[in-house]
N, C-alpha and C. Protein backbone atom coordinates (compact mmCIF):
# COMPACT_ATOMS: atom_id res chain seq x y z
N MET A 1 -156.51 175.50 9.98
CA MET A 1 -155.25 175.29 9.29
C MET A 1 -155.35 174.03 8.44
N THR A 2 -154.66 174.07 7.32
CA THR A 2 -154.65 172.92 6.43
C THR A 2 -153.45 172.03 6.75
N THR A 3 -153.46 170.84 6.16
CA THR A 3 -152.39 169.88 6.44
C THR A 3 -151.01 170.43 6.09
N TRP A 4 -150.91 171.13 4.95
CA TRP A 4 -149.59 171.64 4.55
C TRP A 4 -149.07 172.69 5.50
N ARG A 5 -149.97 173.52 6.03
CA ARG A 5 -149.53 174.54 7.00
C ARG A 5 -149.06 173.86 8.28
N VAL A 6 -149.77 172.83 8.72
CA VAL A 6 -149.36 172.11 9.93
C VAL A 6 -148.03 171.41 9.70
N VAL A 7 -147.85 170.81 8.52
CA VAL A 7 -146.58 170.15 8.19
C VAL A 7 -145.43 171.17 8.27
N HIS A 8 -145.64 172.35 7.72
CA HIS A 8 -144.60 173.38 7.76
C HIS A 8 -144.30 173.82 9.19
N VAL A 9 -145.32 173.97 10.01
CA VAL A 9 -145.12 174.35 11.41
C VAL A 9 -144.34 173.27 12.15
N ILE A 10 -144.70 172.02 11.96
CA ILE A 10 -144.02 170.91 12.63
C ILE A 10 -142.57 170.82 12.16
N ALA A 11 -142.35 170.89 10.85
CA ALA A 11 -140.98 170.79 10.32
C ALA A 11 -140.13 171.94 10.83
N GLY A 12 -140.66 173.15 10.80
CA GLY A 12 -139.90 174.30 11.30
C GLY A 12 -139.57 174.18 12.77
N THR A 13 -140.52 173.70 13.55
CA THR A 13 -140.28 173.50 14.98
C THR A 13 -139.20 172.46 15.22
N PHE A 14 -139.26 171.34 14.52
CA PHE A 14 -138.24 170.30 14.67
C PHE A 14 -136.86 170.81 14.28
N ILE A 15 -136.78 171.56 13.19
CA ILE A 15 -135.49 172.08 12.74
C ILE A 15 -134.91 173.04 13.76
N LEU A 16 -135.71 174.00 14.22
CA LEU A 16 -135.20 174.98 15.19
C LEU A 16 -134.83 174.31 16.52
N LEU A 17 -135.64 173.37 16.98
CA LEU A 17 -135.34 172.67 18.23
C LEU A 17 -134.06 171.85 18.12
N SER A 18 -133.91 171.12 17.01
CA SER A 18 -132.72 170.29 16.86
C SER A 18 -131.46 171.16 16.70
N LEU A 19 -131.59 172.31 16.06
CA LEU A 19 -130.44 173.21 15.98
C LEU A 19 -130.09 173.79 17.35
N ALA A 20 -131.11 174.15 18.12
CA ALA A 20 -130.86 174.66 19.46
C ALA A 20 -130.17 173.63 20.34
N LEU A 21 -130.52 172.36 20.15
CA LEU A 21 -129.92 171.30 20.97
C LEU A 21 -128.61 170.76 20.40
N GLY A 22 -128.34 171.02 19.12
CA GLY A 22 -127.18 170.41 18.48
C GLY A 22 -126.02 171.31 18.16
N VAL A 23 -126.22 172.63 18.21
CA VAL A 23 -125.13 173.57 17.89
C VAL A 23 -124.44 173.95 19.19
N SER A 24 -123.13 173.77 19.23
CA SER A 24 -122.40 173.97 20.48
C SER A 24 -122.44 175.40 21.00
N ALA A 25 -122.72 176.38 20.16
CA ALA A 25 -122.81 177.78 20.61
C ALA A 25 -124.14 178.08 21.30
N SER A 26 -125.08 177.17 21.22
CA SER A 26 -126.41 177.39 21.80
C SER A 26 -126.38 177.17 23.31
N PRO A 27 -127.13 177.98 24.05
CA PRO A 27 -127.21 177.75 25.51
C PRO A 27 -127.98 176.48 25.87
N LEU A 28 -128.71 175.92 24.91
CA LEU A 28 -129.47 174.68 25.15
C LEU A 28 -128.73 173.44 24.66
N TYR A 29 -127.47 173.60 24.26
CA TYR A 29 -126.70 172.50 23.66
C TYR A 29 -126.71 171.24 24.52
N GLN A 30 -126.97 170.11 23.86
CA GLN A 30 -126.93 168.81 24.51
C GLN A 30 -125.92 167.88 23.85
N SER A 31 -126.04 167.72 22.53
CA SER A 31 -125.16 166.83 21.78
C SER A 31 -125.25 167.20 20.30
N SER A 32 -124.14 167.05 19.61
CA SER A 32 -124.17 167.34 18.18
C SER A 32 -124.98 166.31 17.40
N TRP A 33 -125.33 165.20 18.03
CA TRP A 33 -126.18 164.20 17.37
C TRP A 33 -127.57 164.72 17.07
N TRP A 34 -128.00 165.79 17.74
CA TRP A 34 -129.29 166.40 17.44
C TRP A 34 -129.34 166.94 16.02
N LEU A 35 -128.18 167.23 15.43
CA LEU A 35 -128.15 167.72 14.06
C LEU A 35 -128.61 166.66 13.06
N ALA A 36 -128.57 165.40 13.47
CA ALA A 36 -129.10 164.32 12.62
C ALA A 36 -130.60 164.51 12.41
N LEU A 37 -131.30 165.02 13.41
CA LEU A 37 -132.73 165.29 13.26
C LEU A 37 -132.95 166.39 12.22
N THR A 38 -132.10 167.40 12.23
CA THR A 38 -132.19 168.46 11.23
C THR A 38 -132.02 167.88 9.83
N ALA A 39 -131.03 167.01 9.67
CA ALA A 39 -130.78 166.37 8.37
C ALA A 39 -131.97 165.50 7.96
N PHE A 40 -132.55 164.78 8.89
CA PHE A 40 -133.68 163.91 8.60
C PHE A 40 -134.89 164.72 8.13
N VAL A 41 -135.19 165.81 8.83
CA VAL A 41 -136.31 166.66 8.45
C VAL A 41 -136.05 167.27 7.07
N GLY A 42 -134.84 167.75 6.84
CA GLY A 42 -134.49 168.32 5.54
C GLY A 42 -134.63 167.30 4.42
N ALA A 43 -134.19 166.08 4.66
CA ALA A 43 -134.31 165.02 3.65
C ALA A 43 -135.78 164.71 3.36
N ASN A 44 -136.61 164.72 4.39
CA ASN A 44 -138.04 164.47 4.18
C ASN A 44 -138.70 165.61 3.42
N ILE A 45 -138.29 166.85 3.67
CA ILE A 45 -138.84 167.97 2.92
C ILE A 45 -138.43 167.85 1.45
N LEU A 46 -137.18 167.49 1.19
CA LEU A 46 -136.71 167.30 -0.17
C LEU A 46 -137.48 166.18 -0.87
N GLN A 47 -137.62 165.05 -0.21
CA GLN A 47 -138.36 163.92 -0.77
C GLN A 47 -139.80 164.31 -1.05
N SER A 48 -140.42 165.02 -0.15
CA SER A 48 -141.80 165.46 -0.33
C SER A 48 -141.93 166.39 -1.53
N GLY A 49 -140.97 167.27 -1.70
CA GLY A 49 -141.01 168.18 -2.84
C GLY A 49 -140.83 167.47 -4.17
N LEU A 50 -140.03 166.42 -4.19
CA LEU A 50 -139.76 165.70 -5.43
C LEU A 50 -140.87 164.71 -5.79
N THR A 51 -141.48 164.10 -4.79
CA THR A 51 -142.46 163.04 -5.05
C THR A 51 -143.91 163.48 -4.87
N ARG A 52 -144.11 164.66 -4.27
CA ARG A 52 -145.45 165.14 -3.96
C ARG A 52 -146.19 164.23 -2.99
N TRP A 53 -145.47 163.52 -2.13
CA TRP A 53 -146.07 162.67 -1.12
C TRP A 53 -145.37 162.93 0.21
N CYS A 54 -146.16 163.11 1.25
CA CYS A 54 -145.61 163.40 2.58
C CYS A 54 -146.34 162.53 3.61
N LEU A 55 -145.58 161.73 4.34
CA LEU A 55 -146.18 160.85 5.34
C LEU A 55 -146.90 161.66 6.42
N MET A 56 -146.30 162.76 6.86
CA MET A 56 -146.93 163.58 7.90
C MET A 56 -148.28 164.12 7.43
N GLU A 57 -148.37 164.52 6.17
CA GLU A 57 -149.64 165.01 5.64
C GLU A 57 -150.68 163.89 5.63
N SER A 58 -150.27 162.70 5.26
CA SER A 58 -151.20 161.56 5.26
C SER A 58 -151.72 161.29 6.67
N ILE A 59 -150.84 161.36 7.65
CA ILE A 59 -151.24 161.14 9.04
C ILE A 59 -152.21 162.23 9.50
N LEU A 60 -151.90 163.49 9.15
CA LEU A 60 -152.75 164.60 9.57
C LEU A 60 -154.14 164.51 8.93
N ARG A 61 -154.21 164.06 7.67
CA ARG A 61 -155.51 163.91 7.01
C ARG A 61 -156.34 162.84 7.72
N LYS A 62 -155.68 161.76 8.15
CA LYS A 62 -156.41 160.70 8.87
C LYS A 62 -156.88 161.18 10.23
N LEU A 63 -156.20 162.19 10.77
CA LEU A 63 -156.62 162.77 12.06
C LEU A 63 -157.74 163.80 11.89
N GLY A 64 -158.10 164.06 10.63
CA GLY A 64 -159.24 164.94 10.38
C GLY A 64 -158.91 166.37 10.02
N ILE A 65 -157.64 166.68 9.82
CA ILE A 65 -157.27 168.04 9.43
C ILE A 65 -157.51 168.20 7.94
N LYS A 66 -158.08 169.34 7.58
CA LYS A 66 -158.46 169.61 6.19
C LYS A 66 -157.24 169.62 5.28
N ALA A 67 -157.31 168.88 4.18
CA ALA A 67 -156.22 168.83 3.20
C ALA A 67 -156.16 170.14 2.43
N GLY A 68 -154.99 170.48 1.97
CA GLY A 68 -154.85 171.67 1.14
C GLY A 68 -153.52 172.36 1.34
N CYS A 69 -153.32 173.41 0.56
CA CYS A 69 -152.07 174.18 0.59
C CYS A 69 -152.13 175.27 1.62
């Protein structure tokens, strides 16, 4: 897997987990503050799309994961 695929998997996992923990209709509900994590991940995806720079991708490249789309 390339860095971008791993970034997408991590972002998707964080979004789904935070929604499961933050939406009151969910059986896993803990607190609506978990929705802040959803907003944070979304803001980072937006920033990454606008600037073409992603901190998570930089970290993954340093860990040895192949760069690419």
